[in-house]
Amino acid sequence: MSNRKLLILGYVWPEPNSSAAGSHMLSLINFFLTQGYKITYASPAQQGEHKIDLTTLGVAEAAIELNCNSFDTFLRQLSPDLVLFDRFMLEEQFGWRVSQHCPDAIKILDTEDLHSLRHARHQALKQNRPMTAEDLHNDLAKREIAAIFRCDLTLVISDHEMALLQQHFAVPAHILCHCPFMLDVEQHEPSTINFADRQDFISIGNFRHEPNWDAVLWLKQAIWPLIRKQLPKAELHIYGAYPPPKATQLHNPKQGFLVKGWADDAKHVMQQAKVCLAPLRFGAGIKGKLAEAMWCGTPNVTTNIGVEGMTMGHIWSGYVTDLNISDNQEELAVKFAAQAIKLYTDEGSWQDFQTTGYNLIKTNFNKNTIQHTLTKKLNAAQQDLKQHRGQNFIGQMLQHHHLKSTQYMAQWIEAKNKMFE
């Protein structure tokens, strides 16, 4: 497998210290480097202030344009053996060009999370009702599931989403690979900061991610006042990349509600806190903030949305508020606050949950186990790509029509842009 070339088409440039998606992408990059791949990471996005320098890892970086035939030339010159699309939108933009110019390249889609599932839950939350199948069958789902069918292999971060794709959307198992966070658990060392030496609550998450912003608002408006009333000396420290003015305006030291923004060392601030709060009311995938909390020995209070895809049949490392959107939101806030207060004041439960968290990350997120599964899936596709694709007729059908519609749309935009040059 050495000297094979991998092209990663990124929706954004990786920021592993800003988001779980960025951290997961870095894990994938490191996996393919250990497999001997020569990697090029290309993206049409602007570079953010927290972008990692991939060249230090030996990964080439390239800026590319949307709806421009310069990508065709770039693709032909690179001639990759594998192309990995970061989120389904990149497959829509560039998939037809890859099929046209590099038809034998294996196409891999990294979903990060199911965007359509997150969208469906958000719509239901806005209307204060349970999610329905009609919500799930939104236009975003039609685009996202089509992209999954068009690819040779799709990496799915959550076992819940694996089941949803196979049982609800009838996606063939052989084109799916369960690929959760890949953590170097053999290097893990339990935190030396005990219950008595920790103080305050923490909440962390990229502010550009809508579920995180909703969680901060719910904390501010409903949950934190209840906690603060019972624990008047406690503080809530809120961290996250790219805090907008509407977030920093929530900062209120008198209320113990401290919006601190970017954390130079997320693990350090997590280890100082006594309890991690993640009141997520919608979302998808799995949660980097909760994996980091477990790694740092910080028990958590979250929701069934936060836990989804993380337990894989094992006991959770904290208290869980089971959301039912038809329930009164005030009652849910009361339940969440009560659990937070209990965990903050009960050393026995705190220690039990800390131990459970350590066991959970070692069982569910061992990079060696996950990489072994990923290697087997890639090898199966590479051994007989024609047969692999032949077992996915819907993908072939969608590929046929996608080549026409997306190609002609892109070429129309390209021609239009040239008129104004």
Protein backbone atom coordinates (compact mmCIF):
# COMPACT_ATOMS: atom_id res chain seq x y z
CA MET A 1 0.00 0.00 0.00
CA SER A 2 3.06 2.27 0.25
CA ASN A 3 3.46 5.16 -2.22
CA ARG A 4 -0.27 5.22 -2.89
CA LYS A 5 -1.74 8.70 -3.12
CA LEU A 6 -4.67 10.03 -1.12
CA LEU A 7 -6.45 13.28 -1.92
CA ILE A 8 -8.56 14.72 0.90
CA LEU A 9 -11.09 17.33 -0.18
CA GLY A 10 -11.84 19.38 2.90
CA TYR A 11 -15.00 21.34 3.60
CA VAL A 12 -12.81 23.40 5.95
CA TRP A 13 -9.15 23.38 6.90
CA PRO A 14 -8.57 21.13 9.93
CA GLU A 15 -8.65 22.80 13.35
CA PRO A 16 -8.18 19.88 15.78
CA ASN A 17 -8.12 22.20 18.81
CA SER A 18 -11.37 23.92 17.81
CA SER A 19 -13.76 21.08 17.00
CA ALA A 20 -14.30 17.35 17.23
CA ALA A 21 -14.54 17.26 13.42
CA GLY A 22 -11.07 18.78 13.13
CA SER A 23 -9.65 16.36 15.66
CA HIS A 24 -11.26 13.39 13.91
CA MET A 25 -9.88 14.51 10.55
CA LEU A 26 -6.39 14.70 12.03
CA SER A 27 -6.83 11.13 13.31
CA LEU A 28 -7.74 9.98 9.81
CA ILE A 29 -4.74 11.79 8.34
CA ASN A 30 -2.43 10.11 10.85
CA PHE A 31 -3.97 6.72 10.07
CA PHE A 32 -3.33 7.04 6.33
CA LEU A 33 0.20 8.31 6.98
CA THR A 34 0.95 5.17 8.99
CA GLN A 35 -0.36 3.15 6.03
CA GLY A 36 2.27 4.76 3.80
CA TYR A 37 -0.01 7.08 1.80
CA LYS A 38 1.27 10.27 0.24
CA ILE A 39 -1.43 12.76 1.22
CA THR A 40 -2.61 16.00 -0.34
CA TYR A 41 -5.21 18.06 1.52
CA ALA A 42 -7.12 20.47 -0.69
CA SER A 43 -9.94 22.84 0.19
CA PRO A 44 -11.85 25.77 -1.34
CA ALA A 45 -12.37 27.26 2.15
CA GLN A 46 -10.56 30.19 3.69
CA GLN A 47 -8.01 29.29 6.34
CA GLY A 48 -9.12 29.90 9.93
CA GLU A 49 -6.92 31.33 12.66
CA HIS A 50 -6.65 27.96 14.43
CA LYS A 51 -5.77 25.88 11.36
CA ILE A 52 -3.10 23.23 11.87
CA ASP A 53 -0.04 23.34 9.58
CA LEU A 54 -0.37 20.02 7.78
CA THR A 55 2.97 20.43 6.03
CA THR A 56 4.71 19.67 9.35
CA LEU A 57 3.19 16.18 9.07
CA GLY A 58 4.41 15.75 5.50
CA VAL A 59 0.96 16.47 4.04
CA ALA A 60 0.81 18.74 0.99
CA GLU A 61 -1.72 21.58 1.07
CA ALA A 62 -3.54 22.96 -1.95
CA ALA A 63 -6.14 25.66 -2.46
CA ILE A 64 -8.82 24.74 -5.01
CA GLU A 65 -11.78 26.54 -6.56
CA LEU A 66 -15.43 25.60 -6.83
CA ASN A 67 -16.98 25.29 -10.29
CA CYS A 68 -13.67 25.70 -12.08
CA ASN A 69 -11.94 23.37 -14.53
CA SER A 70 -8.61 24.16 -12.90
CA PHE A 71 -9.52 21.37 -10.48
CA ASP A 72 -9.69 18.92 -13.40
CA THR A 73 -6.08 19.70 -14.31
CA PHE A 74 -5.04 19.46 -10.66
CA LEU A 75 -6.79 16.10 -10.36
CA ARG A 76 -5.27 14.61 -13.52
CA GLN A 77 -1.77 15.68 -12.49
CA LEU A 78 -2.13 14.26 -8.99
CA SER A 79 -3.86 11.05 -10.13
CA PRO A 80 -4.88 9.87 -6.63
CA ASP A 81 -5.63 6.27 -5.73
CA LEU A 82 -8.10 7.33 -3.03
CA VAL A 83 -10.20 10.46 -2.68
CA LEU A 84 -11.74 11.29 0.69
CA PHE A 85 -14.60 13.81 0.75
CA ASP A 86 -14.94 15.75 3.99
CA ARG A 87 -18.75 15.93 4.36
CA PHE A 88 -21.28 15.22 1.63
CA MET A 89 -21.23 18.76 0.19
CA LEU A 90 -17.73 18.19 -1.12
CA GLU A 91 -18.81 14.98 -2.82
CA GLU A 92 -21.58 16.94 -4.54
CA GLN A 93 -19.13 19.57 -5.73
CA PHE A 94 -16.23 17.38 -6.82
CA GLY A 95 -17.46 13.78 -6.97
CA TRP A 96 -18.46 13.90 -10.62
CA ARG A 97 -15.09 15.34 -11.58
CA VAL A 98 -13.29 12.54 -9.70
CA SER A 99 -15.44 9.92 -11.46
CA GLN A 100 -14.75 11.52 -14.82
CA HIS A 101 -10.97 11.99 -14.53
CA CYS A 102 -9.99 9.27 -12.01
CA PRO A 103 -12.64 6.56 -12.43
CA ASP A 104 -10.56 3.90 -10.65
CA ALA A 105 -9.92 6.00 -7.54
CA ILE A 106 -11.72 4.72 -4.46
CA LYS A 107 -14.14 7.36 -3.22
CA ILE A 108 -14.54 7.67 0.55
CA LEU A 109 -17.04 9.92 2.30
CA ASP A 110 -16.40 11.09 5.86
CA THR A 111 -19.81 12.21 7.10
CA GLU A 112 -18.52 13.66 10.43
CA ASP A 113 -22.17 13.38 11.48
CA LEU A 114 -25.43 13.01 9.61
CA HIS A 115 -26.26 16.62 8.78
CA SER A 116 -29.80 15.67 7.80
CA LEU A 117 -30.44 14.05 11.19
CA ARG A 118 -29.17 17.12 13.00
CA HIS A 119 -31.35 19.34 10.80
CA ALA A 120 -34.44 17.18 11.39
CA ARG A 121 -34.01 17.35 15.14
CA HIS A 122 -33.46 21.09 15.02
CA GLN A 123 -36.69 21.64 13.08
CA ALA A 124 -38.62 19.54 15.58
CA LEU A 125 -37.11 21.41 18.52
CA LYS A 126 -38.09 24.77 17.03
CA GLN A 127 -41.69 23.58 16.96
CA ASN A 128 -41.45 21.92 20.40
CA ARG A 129 -42.48 18.47 19.18
CA PRO A 130 -40.95 15.02 18.61
CA MET A 131 -39.04 14.37 15.39
CA THR A 132 -41.01 12.48 12.75
CA ALA A 133 -40.11 10.40 9.70
CA GLU A 134 -41.25 13.35 7.59
CA ASP A 135 -38.62 15.52 9.31
CA LEU A 136 -36.02 12.87 8.60
CA HIS A 137 -36.91 12.76 4.90
CA ASN A 138 -35.89 16.36 4.32
CA ASP A 139 -34.15 17.67 1.21
CA LEU A 140 -30.82 17.57 3.03
CA ALA A 141 -31.29 13.84 3.62
CA LYS A 142 -31.99 13.21 -0.05
CA ARG A 143 -28.72 14.90 -0.94
CA GLU A 144 -26.71 13.30 1.87
CA ILE A 145 -27.95 9.74 1.40
CA ALA A 146 -27.42 10.04 -2.37
CA ALA A 147 -23.79 11.04 -1.76
CA ILE A 148 -23.34 8.02 0.52
CA PHE A 149 -24.65 5.69 -2.19
CA ARG A 150 -22.35 7.26 -4.78
CA CYS A 151 -19.22 6.59 -2.73
CA ASP A 152 -17.37 3.31 -2.39
CA LEU A 153 -17.09 3.62 1.39
CA THR A 154 -18.63 5.98 3.94
CA LEU A 155 -17.17 6.54 7.40
CA VAL A 156 -19.90 6.82 10.02
CA ILE A 157 -18.94 8.09 13.46
CA SER A 158 -21.97 6.86 15.41
CA ASP A 159 -23.39 3.36 15.80
CA HIS A 160 -26.86 4.95 16.02
CA GLU A 161 -26.33 6.48 12.57
CA MET A 162 -24.98 3.18 11.25
CA ALA A 163 -28.26 1.55 12.25
CA LEU A 164 -30.33 4.42 10.84
CA LEU A 165 -28.58 4.26 7.47
CA GLN A 166 -28.98 0.51 7.13
CA GLN A 167 -32.43 0.00 8.63
CA HIS A 168 -34.23 3.19 7.61
CA PHE A 169 -32.46 4.23 4.41
CA ALA A 170 -31.44 0.72 3.24
CA VAL A 171 -27.79 1.59 2.67
CA PRO A 172 -25.76 -1.62 2.05
CA ALA A 173 -23.52 -2.58 4.96
CA HIS A 174 -20.51 -3.20 2.71
CA ILE A 175 -20.24 0.49 1.81
CA LEU A 176 -20.38 1.65 5.47
CA CYS A 177 -17.67 1.64 8.13
CA HIS A 178 -18.24 2.53 11.78
CA CYS A 179 -15.37 4.88 12.56
CA PRO A 180 -15.71 6.70 15.91
CA PHE A 181 -13.00 8.78 17.61
CA MET A 182 -9.62 7.07 17.41
CA LEU A 183 -7.90 7.73 20.74
CA ASP A 184 -4.46 6.56 21.80
CA VAL A 185 -5.84 4.93 24.95
CA GLU A 186 -2.57 3.12 25.68
CA GLN A 187 -1.05 6.52 26.46
CA HIS A 188 -3.89 7.55 28.78
CA GLU A 189 -3.06 8.40 32.38
CA PRO A 190 -5.77 9.05 35.00
CA SER A 191 -6.02 12.61 36.26
CA THR A 192 -4.18 13.38 39.50
CA ILE A 193 -6.61 16.19 40.38
CA ASN A 194 -9.21 14.74 42.74
CA PHE A 195 -12.74 15.78 43.70
CA ALA A 196 -11.68 18.08 46.56
CA ASP A 197 -9.12 19.93 44.42
CA ARG A 198 -11.56 20.70 41.61
CA GLN A 199 -14.12 23.45 41.46
CA ASP A 200 -16.73 24.98 39.17
CA PHE A 201 -18.58 23.73 36.13
CA ILE A 202 -17.36 23.77 32.53
CA SER A 203 -19.08 23.80 29.16
CA ILE A 204 -17.08 23.72 25.96
CA GLY A 205 -17.79 23.69 22.23
CA ASN A 206 -17.21 25.59 18.99
CA PHE A 207 -19.69 28.48 18.89
CA ARG A 208 -20.13 28.10 15.13
CA HIS A 209 -21.85 24.76 15.73
CA GLU A 210 -25.56 25.46 16.23
CA PRO A 211 -26.22 22.74 18.86
CA ASN A 212 -23.46 24.23 21.02
CA TRP A 213 -24.90 27.74 20.82
CA ASP A 214 -28.36 26.42 21.68
CA ALA A 215 -26.86 24.65 24.72
CA VAL A 216 -25.21 27.86 25.94
CA LEU A 217 -28.49 29.76 25.62
CA TRP A 218 -30.40 27.05 27.49
CA LEU A 219 -27.78 27.14 30.25
CA LYS A 220 -27.97 30.91 30.53
CA GLN A 221 -31.74 31.28 30.39
CA ALA A 222 -33.03 28.23 32.25
CA ILE A 223 -30.47 25.87 33.80
CA TRP A 224 -27.72 27.96 35.36
CA PRO A 225 -30.03 30.20 37.48
CA LEU A 226 -31.36 27.02 39.14
CA ILE A 227 -27.87 25.68 39.82
CA ARG A 228 -26.57 29.01 41.05
CA LYS A 229 -29.47 29.34 43.48
CA GLN A 230 -28.39 26.12 45.22
CA LEU A 231 -24.63 26.64 44.76
CA PRO A 232 -24.15 30.42 45.08
CA LYS A 233 -20.33 30.25 45.05
CA ALA A 234 -20.03 28.00 41.99
CA GLU A 235 -19.10 29.33 38.56
CA LEU A 236 -19.75 28.10 35.04
CA HIS A 237 -16.80 28.55 32.68
CA ILE A 238 -17.80 28.45 29.01
CA TYR A 239 -15.09 27.83 26.43
CA GLY A 240 -15.17 27.52 22.66
CA ALA A 241 -13.64 28.77 19.45
CA TYR A 242 -15.06 31.74 17.55
CA PRO A 243 -17.42 33.23 20.16
CA PRO A 244 -19.64 35.85 18.48
CA PRO A 245 -20.63 39.12 20.20
CA LYS A 246 -24.03 37.63 21.10
CA ALA A 247 -22.15 35.00 23.15
CA THR A 248 -19.64 37.29 24.87
CA GLN A 249 -22.53 39.58 25.84
CA LEU A 250 -23.81 36.76 28.06
CA HIS A 251 -20.70 37.04 30.25
CA ASN A 252 -21.80 38.00 33.78
CA PRO A 253 -19.37 37.58 36.72
CA LYS A 254 -22.04 38.50 39.27
CA GLN A 255 -24.05 35.49 38.12
CA GLY A 256 -20.97 33.27 37.92
CA PHE A 257 -21.63 32.85 34.18
CA LEU A 258 -18.21 33.33 32.57
CA VAL A 259 -17.85 33.22 28.77
CA LYS A 260 -14.11 32.70 28.30
CA GLY A 261 -13.99 31.82 24.61
CA TRP A 262 -10.92 30.12 23.15
CA ALA A 263 -8.98 27.80 25.48
CA ASP A 264 -5.27 27.53 24.71
CA ASP A 265 -5.24 24.13 26.42
CA ALA A 266 -8.68 22.51 26.50
CA LYS A 267 -7.49 19.49 28.46
CA HIS A 268 -6.01 21.70 31.17
CA VAL A 269 -9.20 23.67 31.78
CA MET A 270 -11.28 20.48 31.61
CA GLN A 271 -9.14 18.82 34.29
CA GLN A 272 -9.53 21.80 36.61
CA ALA A 273 -13.34 21.63 36.49
CA LYS A 274 -15.44 19.42 38.73
CA VAL A 275 -18.36 18.77 36.34
CA CYS A 276 -18.82 19.14 32.58
CA LEU A 277 -22.25 20.33 31.42
CA ALA A 278 -23.43 19.46 27.90
CA PRO A 279 -27.18 20.21 27.66
CA LEU A 280 -27.52 19.36 23.98
CA ARG A 281 -31.11 19.49 22.73
CA PHE A 282 -30.39 18.52 19.13
CA GLY A 283 -27.47 17.30 17.07
CA ALA A 284 -25.97 14.16 15.58
CA GLY A 285 -22.71 12.20 15.51
CA ILE A 286 -20.74 11.84 18.75
CA LYS A 287 -19.45 14.54 21.05
CA GLY A 288 -15.79 15.44 21.31
CA LYS A 289 -16.41 17.50 24.45
CA LEU A 290 -17.70 14.41 26.27
CA ALA A 291 -14.84 12.21 25.07
CA GLU A 292 -12.41 14.85 26.32
CA ALA A 293 -14.25 15.10 29.65
CA MET A 294 -13.91 11.34 30.17
CA TRP A 295 -10.24 11.47 29.16
CA CYS A 296 -9.65 14.20 31.75
CA GLY A 297 -11.55 12.42 34.50
CA THR A 298 -14.33 15.02 34.58
CA PRO A 299 -17.80 13.47 35.05
CA ASN A 300 -20.59 15.03 33.05
CA VAL A 301 -24.26 15.86 32.92
CA THR A 302 -25.75 15.69 29.44
CA THR A 303 -28.81 14.56 27.48
CA ASN A 304 -29.73 11.49 25.46
CA ILE A 305 -28.59 13.47 22.39
CA GLY A 306 -25.18 13.94 24.00
CA VAL A 307 -24.86 10.26 24.92
CA GLU A 308 -26.04 8.92 21.55
CA GLY A 309 -23.36 6.93 19.75
CA MET A 310 -20.97 7.13 22.70
CA THR A 311 -21.97 4.24 24.97
CA MET A 312 -22.14 1.39 22.43
CA GLY A 313 -24.01 -0.72 24.97
CA HIS A 314 -21.95 0.26 28.01
CA ILE A 315 -22.73 2.33 31.14
CA TRP A 316 -22.45 6.12 30.79
CA SER A 317 -20.07 8.28 32.78
CA GLY A 318 -22.53 10.76 34.25
CA TYR A 319 -26.17 11.74 34.58
CA VAL A 320 -28.44 11.88 31.54
CA THR A 321 -31.57 13.97 31.06
CA ASP A 322 -33.74 12.03 28.63
CA LEU A 323 -35.18 14.64 26.29
CA ASN A 324 -38.67 14.32 24.96
CA ILE A 325 -39.45 17.43 22.96
CA SER A 326 -43.12 17.12 23.87
CA ASP A 327 -42.17 17.58 27.55
CA ASN A 328 -42.21 21.01 29.13
CA GLN A 329 -38.79 22.61 28.56
CA GLU A 330 -38.88 24.18 32.04
CA GLU A 331 -39.29 20.73 33.59
CA LEU A 332 -36.35 19.43 31.57
CA ALA A 333 -34.21 22.32 32.79
CA VAL A 334 -35.19 21.53 36.40
CA LYS A 335 -34.20 17.86 35.90
CA PHE A 336 -30.88 18.81 34.33
CA ALA A 337 -30.03 21.32 37.07
CA ALA A 338 -30.88 18.81 39.82
CA GLN A 339 -28.56 16.23 38.29
CA ALA A 340 -25.78 18.82 37.97
CA ILE A 341 -26.12 19.83 41.64
CA LYS A 342 -26.15 16.19 42.77
CA LEU A 343 -23.00 15.32 40.83
CA TYR A 344 -21.22 18.47 42.03
CA THR A 345 -21.86 17.66 45.69
CA ASP A 346 -21.72 13.84 45.81
CA GLU A 347 -18.09 12.68 45.87
CA GLY A 348 -19.02 8.99 45.77
CA SER A 349 -21.05 9.27 42.57
CA TRP A 350 -18.41 11.58 41.11
CA GLN A 351 -15.65 9.03 41.64
CA ASP A 352 -17.76 6.18 40.26
CA PHE A 353 -18.53 8.16 37.11
CA GLN A 354 -14.89 9.12 36.67
CA THR A 355 -13.86 5.45 36.72
CA THR A 356 -16.70 4.56 34.33
CA GLY A 357 -15.50 7.28 31.93
CA TYR A 358 -11.95 5.94 31.88
CA ASN A 359 -13.26 2.45 31.11
CA LEU A 360 -15.59 3.73 28.41
CA ILE A 361 -12.96 5.53 26.36
CA LYS A 362 -10.64 2.53 26.55
CA THR A 363 -13.40 0.16 25.43
CA ASN A 364 -15.10 2.24 22.73
CA PHE A 365 -12.42 4.54 21.29
CA ASN A 366 -9.27 2.44 21.06
CA LYS A 367 -7.59 3.62 17.88
CA ASN A 368 -5.92 0.24 17.26
CA THR A 369 -9.27 -1.57 17.18
CA ILE A 370 -10.95 1.06 14.99
CA GLN A 371 -8.03 1.31 12.57
CA HIS A 372 -8.04 -2.48 12.18
CA THR A 373 -11.72 -2.34 11.12
CA LEU A 374 -11.05 0.54 8.74
CA THR A 375 -8.11 -1.28 7.16
CA LYS A 376 -10.24 -4.38 6.54
CA LYS A 377 -12.98 -2.29 4.88
CA LEU A 378 -10.49 -0.49 2.63
CA ASN A 379 -8.77 -3.73 1.65
CA ALA A 380 -12.12 -5.32 0.75
CA ALA A 381 -12.93 -2.44 -1.60
CA GLN A 382 -9.47 -2.35 -3.13
CA GLN A 383 -9.25 -6.08 -3.84
CA ASP A 384 -12.06 -6.01 -6.40
CA LEU A 385 -13.44 -2.52 -6.90
CA LYS A 386 -15.58 -3.54 -9.85
CA GLN A 387 -17.37 -6.22 -7.84
CA HIS A 388 -17.63 -3.89 -4.84
CA ARG A 389 -19.39 -1.27 -6.95
CA GLY A 390 -21.47 -3.90 -8.72
CA GLN A 391 -23.16 -4.77 -5.42
CA ASN A 392 -24.42 -1.19 -5.13
CA PHE A 393 -26.76 -0.67 -8.09
CA ILE A 394 -28.49 2.34 -6.54
CA GLY A 395 -25.09 3.99 -6.27
CA GLN A 396 -24.40 3.28 -9.94
CA MET A 397 -27.78 4.69 -10.89
CA LEU A 398 -27.29 7.85 -8.84
CA GLN A 399 -23.79 8.21 -10.21
CA HIS A 400 -25.15 8.14 -13.77
CA HIS A 401 -27.66 10.91 -13.16
CA HIS A 402 -25.39 12.90 -10.84
CA LEU A 403 -22.72 13.09 -13.53
CA LYS A 404 -25.21 14.78 -15.80
CA SER A 405 -27.03 17.20 -13.49
CA THR A 406 -24.10 18.34 -11.36
CA GLN A 407 -21.67 18.46 -14.22
CA TYR A 408 -23.89 20.67 -16.35
CA MET A 409 -24.74 22.96 -13.44
CA ALA A 410 -21.06 23.39 -12.56
CA GLN A 411 -20.13 24.05 -16.18
CA TRP A 412 -22.94 26.62 -16.46
CA ILE A 413 -21.66 28.45 -13.37
CA GLU A 414 -18.11 28.27 -14.69
CA ALA A 415 -19.17 29.76 -18.04
CA LYS A 416 -21.17 32.46 -16.28
CA ASN A 417 -18.17 33.40 -14.11
CA LYS A 418 -15.94 33.72 -17.16
CA MET A 419 -18.36 36.23 -18.68
CA PHE A 420 -17.62 38.61 -15.81
CA GLU A 421 -13.87 38.16 -15.65
